[in-house]
PDB file of N, CA and C in Angstrom:
ATOM      1  N   MET A   1     104.563  91.571 104.819  1.00  0.00           N
ATOM      2  CA  MET A   1     103.516  92.499 105.092  1.00  0.00           C
ATOM      3  C   MET A   1     101.812  92.291 104.107  1.00  0.00           C
ATOM      4  N   VAL A   2     102.582  91.945 102.975  1.00  0.00           N
ATOM      5  CA  VAL A   2     100.933  90.878 101.850  1.00  0.00           C
ATOM      6  C   VAL A   2     100.742  90.172 102.495  1.00  0.00           C
ATOM      7  N   GLY A   3     101.567  88.967 102.868  1.00  0.00           N
ATOM      8  CA  GLY A   3     101.119  87.928 103.042  1.00  0.00           C
ATOM      9  C   GLY A   3     100.046  87.718 104.224  1.00  0.00           C
ATOM     10  N   MET A   4     100.479  89.048 105.789  1.00  0.00           N
ATOM     11  CA  MET A   4      99.824  88.914 106.775  1.00  0.00           C
ATOM     12  C   MET A   4      98.117  89.741 106.472  1.00  0.00           C
ATOM     13  N   LEU A   5      98.066  90.425 105.158  1.00  0.00           N
ATOM     14  CA  LEU A   5      96.862  90.992 105.052  1.00  0.00           C
ATOM     15  C   LEU A   5      95.804  89.958 104.613  1.00  0.00           C
ATOM     16  N   TRP A   6      96.737  88.954 103.705  1.00  0.00           N
ATOM     17  CA  TRP A   6      96.248  87.926 103.023  1.00  0.00           C
ATOM     18  C   TRP A   6      95.751  86.923 103.989  1.00  0.00           C
ATOM     19  N   SER A   7      96.016  86.253 104.885  1.00  0.00           N
ATOM     20  CA  SER A   7      96.116  86.025 105.332  1.00  0.00           C
ATOM     21  C   SER A   7      94.749  85.176 105.757  1.00  0.00           C
ATOM     22  N   ASP A   8      94.461  86.251 106.331  1.00  0.00           N
ATOM     23  CA  ASP A   8      92.673  86.099 106.943  1.00  0.00           C
ATOM     24  C   ASP A   8      91.814  87.248 105.606  1.00  0.00           C
ATOM     25  N   PRO A   9      91.565  86.704 105.029  1.00  0.00           N
ATOM     26  CA  PRO A   9      90.498  87.720 103.964  1.00  0.00           C
ATOM     27  C   PRO A   9      88.982  88.007 104.386  1.00  0.00           C
ATOM     28  N   SER A  10      88.818  87.405 105.883  1.00  0.00           N
ATOM     29  CA  SER A  10      87.507  87.790 106.372  1.00  0.00           C
ATOM     30  C   SER A  10      87.550  88.866 107.449  1.00  0.00           C
ATOM     31  N   ASP A  11      88.887  89.411 107.840  1.00  0.00           N
ATOM     32  CA  ASP A  11      88.803  90.557 108.590  1.00  0.00           C
ATOM     33  C   ASP A  11      89.271  91.354 108.272  1.00  0.00           C
ATOM     34  N   GLU A  12      88.472  92.257 107.821  1.00  0.00           N
ATOM     35  CA  GLU A  12      89.254  93.621 106.997  1.00  0.00           C
ATOM     36  C   GLU A  12      89.444  94.435 108.066  1.00  0.00           C
ATOM     37  N   PRO A  13      90.404  95.405 107.210  1.00  0.00           N
ATOM     38  CA  PRO A  13      91.110  96.267 107.930  1.00  0.00           C
ATOM     39  C   PRO A  13      90.038  97.494 108.448  1.00  0.00           C
ATOM     40  N   PRO A  14      90.013  98.386 109.947  1.00  0.00           N
ATOM     41  CA  PRO A  14      89.318  99.268 109.699  1.00  0.00           C
ATOM     42  C   PRO A  14      88.946 100.699 108.534  1.00  0.00           C
ATOM     43  N   GLU A  15      87.856 100.942 108.169  1.00  0.00           N
ATOM     44  CA  GLU A  15      88.252 102.568 107.277  1.00  0.00           C
ATOM     45  C   GLU A  15      89.156 102.882 107.641  1.00  0.00           C
ATOM     46  N   GLU A  16      89.189 103.739 108.298  1.00  0.00           N
ATOM     47  CA  GLU A  16      90.813 104.359 108.755  1.00  0.00           C
ATOM     48  C   GLU A  16      92.521 103.944 108.521  1.00  0.00           C
ATOM     49  N   LEU A  17      92.349 102.584 108.487  1.00  0.00           N
ATOM     50  CA  LEU A  17      93.677 102.053 108.254  1.00  0.00           C
ATOM     51  C   LEU A  17      93.447 101.624 106.338  1.00  0.00           C
ATOM     52  N   ARG A  18      92.606 101.804 106.276  1.00  0.00           N
ATOM     53  CA  ARG A  18      92.284 101.439 104.266  1.00  0.00           C
ATOM     54  C   ARG A  18      92.671 102.668 103.929  1.00  0.00           C
ATOM     55  N   GLU A  19      91.836 103.822 105.063  1.00  0.00           N
ATOM     56  CA  GLU A  19      91.850 105.085 104.204  1.00  0.00           C
ATOM     57  C   GLU A  19      93.495 105.544 104.056  1.00  0.00           C
ATOM     58  N   ALA A  20      94.559 105.363 105.481  1.00  0.00           N
ATOM     59  CA  ALA A  20      95.342 105.735 105.703  1.00  0.00           C
ATOM     60  C   ALA A  20      96.597 104.897 104.559  1.00  0.00           C
ATOM     61  N   GLN A  21      95.617 103.608 104.045  1.00  0.00           N
ATOM     62  CA  GLN A  21      97.188 102.909 103.239  1.00  0.00           C
ATOM     63  C   GLN A  21      96.875 104.005 101.881  1.00  0.00           C
ATOM     64  N   ALA A  22      96.099 104.039 101.595  1.00  0.00           N
ATOM     65  CA  ALA A  22      95.490 104.666 100.130  1.00  0.00           C
ATOM     66  C   ALA A  22      96.448 106.095  99.808  1.00  0.00           C
ATOM     67  N   MET A  23      96.450 106.566 101.185  1.00  0.00           N
ATOM     68  CA  MET A  23      97.082 108.095 101.214  1.00  0.00           C
ATOM     69  C   MET A  23      98.900 107.665 100.971  1.00  0.00           C
ATOM     70  N   LEU A  24      98.739 106.507 102.456  1.00  0.00           N
ATOM     71  CA  LEU A  24     100.448 106.189 101.695  1.00  0.00           C
ATOM     72  C   LEU A  24     100.982 105.518 100.241  1.00  0.00           C
ATOM     73  N   ARG A  25      99.973 105.139  99.947  1.00  0.00           N
ATOM     74  CA  ARG A  25     100.461 104.676  98.531  1.00  0.00           C
ATOM     75  C   ARG A  25     100.547 106.143  97.205  1.00  0.00           C
ATOM     76  N   ARG A  26      99.812 106.707  97.781  1.00  0.00           N
ATOM     77  CA  ARG A  26      99.095 107.906  96.382  1.00  0.00           C
ATOM     78  C   ARG A  26     100.204 108.571  96.944  1.00  0.00           C
ATOM     79  N   ALA A  27     100.978 108.734  97.836  1.00  0.00           N
ATOM     80  CA  ALA A  27     102.008 109.412  98.493  1.00  0.00           C
ATOM     81  C   ALA A  27     102.848 109.166  97.989  1.00  0.00           C
ATOM     82  N   GLY A  28     103.515 107.907  97.836  1.00  0.00           N
ATOM     83  CA  GLY A  28     104.988 106.954  97.792  1.00  0.00           C
ATOM     84  C   GLY A  28     104.727 107.121  96.238  1.00  0.00           C
ATOM     85  N   LEU A  29     103.329 107.260  95.630  1.00  0.00           N
ATOM     86  CA  LEU A  29     103.487 107.010  94.140  1.00  0.00           C
ATOM     87  C   LEU A  29     103.282 108.955  93.536  1.00  0.00           C
ATOM     88  N   VAL A  30     103.531 110.037  94.468  1.00  0.00           N
ATOM     89  CA  VAL A  30     103.564 111.505  93.818  1.00  0.00           C
ATOM     90  C   VAL A  30     105.747 110.936  94.379  1.00  0.00           C
ATOM     91  N   LEU A  31     105.760 110.967  95.436  1.00  0.00           N
ATOM     92  CA  LEU A  31     106.960 110.764  95.796  1.00  0.00           C
ATOM     93  C   LEU A  31     108.389 110.263  94.384  1.00  0.00           C
ATOM     94  N   ALA A  32     107.446 108.734  94.093  1.00  0.00           N
ATOM     95  CA  ALA A  32     108.325 108.418  92.913  1.00  0.00           C
ATOM     96  C   ALA A  32     107.890 109.381  91.411  1.00  0.00           C
ATOM     97  N   ILE A  33     107.245 109.732  91.246  1.00  0.00           N
ATOM     98  CA  ILE A  33     107.032 110.804  90.515  1.00  0.00           C
ATOM     99  C   ILE A  33     108.207 112.393  90.559  1.00  0.00           C
ATOM    100  N   GLY A  34     107.930 112.254  91.253  1.00  0.00           N
ATOM    101  CA  GLY A  34     108.500 113.374  91.630  1.00  0.00           C
ATOM    102  C   GLY A  34     110.297 113.420  91.697  1.00  0.00           C
ATOM    103  N   MET A  35     109.987 112.619  92.209  1.00  0.00           N
ATOM    104  CA  MET A  35     111.846 111.832  92.225  1.00  0.00           C
ATOM    105  C   MET A  35     112.352 111.780  90.900  1.00  0.00           C
ATOM    106  N   VAL A  36     111.582 111.357  89.869  1.00  0.00           N
ATOM    107  CA  VAL A  36     112.038 110.357  88.530  1.00  0.00           C
ATOM    108  C   VAL A  36     111.984 112.332  87.169  1.00  0.00           C
ATOM    109  N   ILE A  37     111.194 113.181  87.987  1.00  0.00           N
ATOM    110  CA  ILE A  37     111.618 114.385  87.047  1.00  0.00           C
ATOM    111  C   ILE A  37     112.677 115.183  88.034  1.00  0.00           C
ATOM    112  N   ALA A  38     112.888 114.988  88.726  1.00  0.00           N
ATOM    113  CA  ALA A  38     113.892 115.483  89.729  1.00  0.00           C
ATOM    114  C   ALA A  38     115.050 115.251  88.695  1.00  0.00           C
ATOM    115  N   PHE A  39     114.957 113.756  89.087  1.00  0.00           N
ATOM    116  CA  PHE A  39     116.635 113.101  88.100  1.00  0.00           C
ATOM    117  C   PHE A  39     116.417 113.827  86.349  1.00  0.00           C
ATOM    118  N   ILE A  40     115.263 113.761  86.141  1.00  0.00           N
ATOM    119  CA  ILE A  40     115.335 114.418  84.383  1.00  0.00           C
ATOM    120  C   ILE A  40     116.048 115.619  84.221  1.00  0.00           C
ATOM    121  N   ILE A  41     115.004 116.688  85.165  1.00  0.00           N
ATOM    122  CA  ILE A  41     115.567 117.902  85.409  1.00  0.00           C
ATOM    123  C   ILE A  41     117.248 117.554  85.481  1.00  0.00           C
ATOM    124  N   LEU A  42     117.103 117.281  86.257  1.00  0.00           N
ATOM    125  CA  LEU A  42     118.947 117.367  87.030  1.00  0.00           C
ATOM    126  C   LEU A  42     120.155 116.775  85.760  1.00  0.00           C
ATOM    127  N   GLY A  43     119.699 115.692  84.799  1.00  0.00           N
ATOM    128  CA  GLY A  43     120.198 115.286  84.210  1.00  0.00           C
ATOM    129  C   GLY A  43     120.274 116.268  82.888  1.00  0.00           C
ATOM    130  N   VAL A  44     119.378 116.755  82.682  1.00  0.00           N
ATOM    131  CA  VAL A  44     119.548 117.294  81.583  1.00  0.00           C
ATOM    132  C   VAL A  44     119.877 118.607  82.063  1.00  0.00           C
ATOM    133  N   GLY A  45     119.638 119.841  82.826  1.00  0.00           N
ATOM    134  CA  GLY A  45     120.417 121.106  82.865  1.00  0.00           C
ATOM    135  C   GLY A  45     121.705 120.515  83.621  1.00  0.00           C
TER     136      GLY A  45
END
């Protein structure tokens, strides 16, 4: 997937797609942090 995006750098994705990708990345980061916190709480508790 990353290779596909990098194969043609002159063709930039539209603004909505970039915003959606940034939102997905933030959501994934929040989800990962939440899972780590949940594991810590479950492990301690």
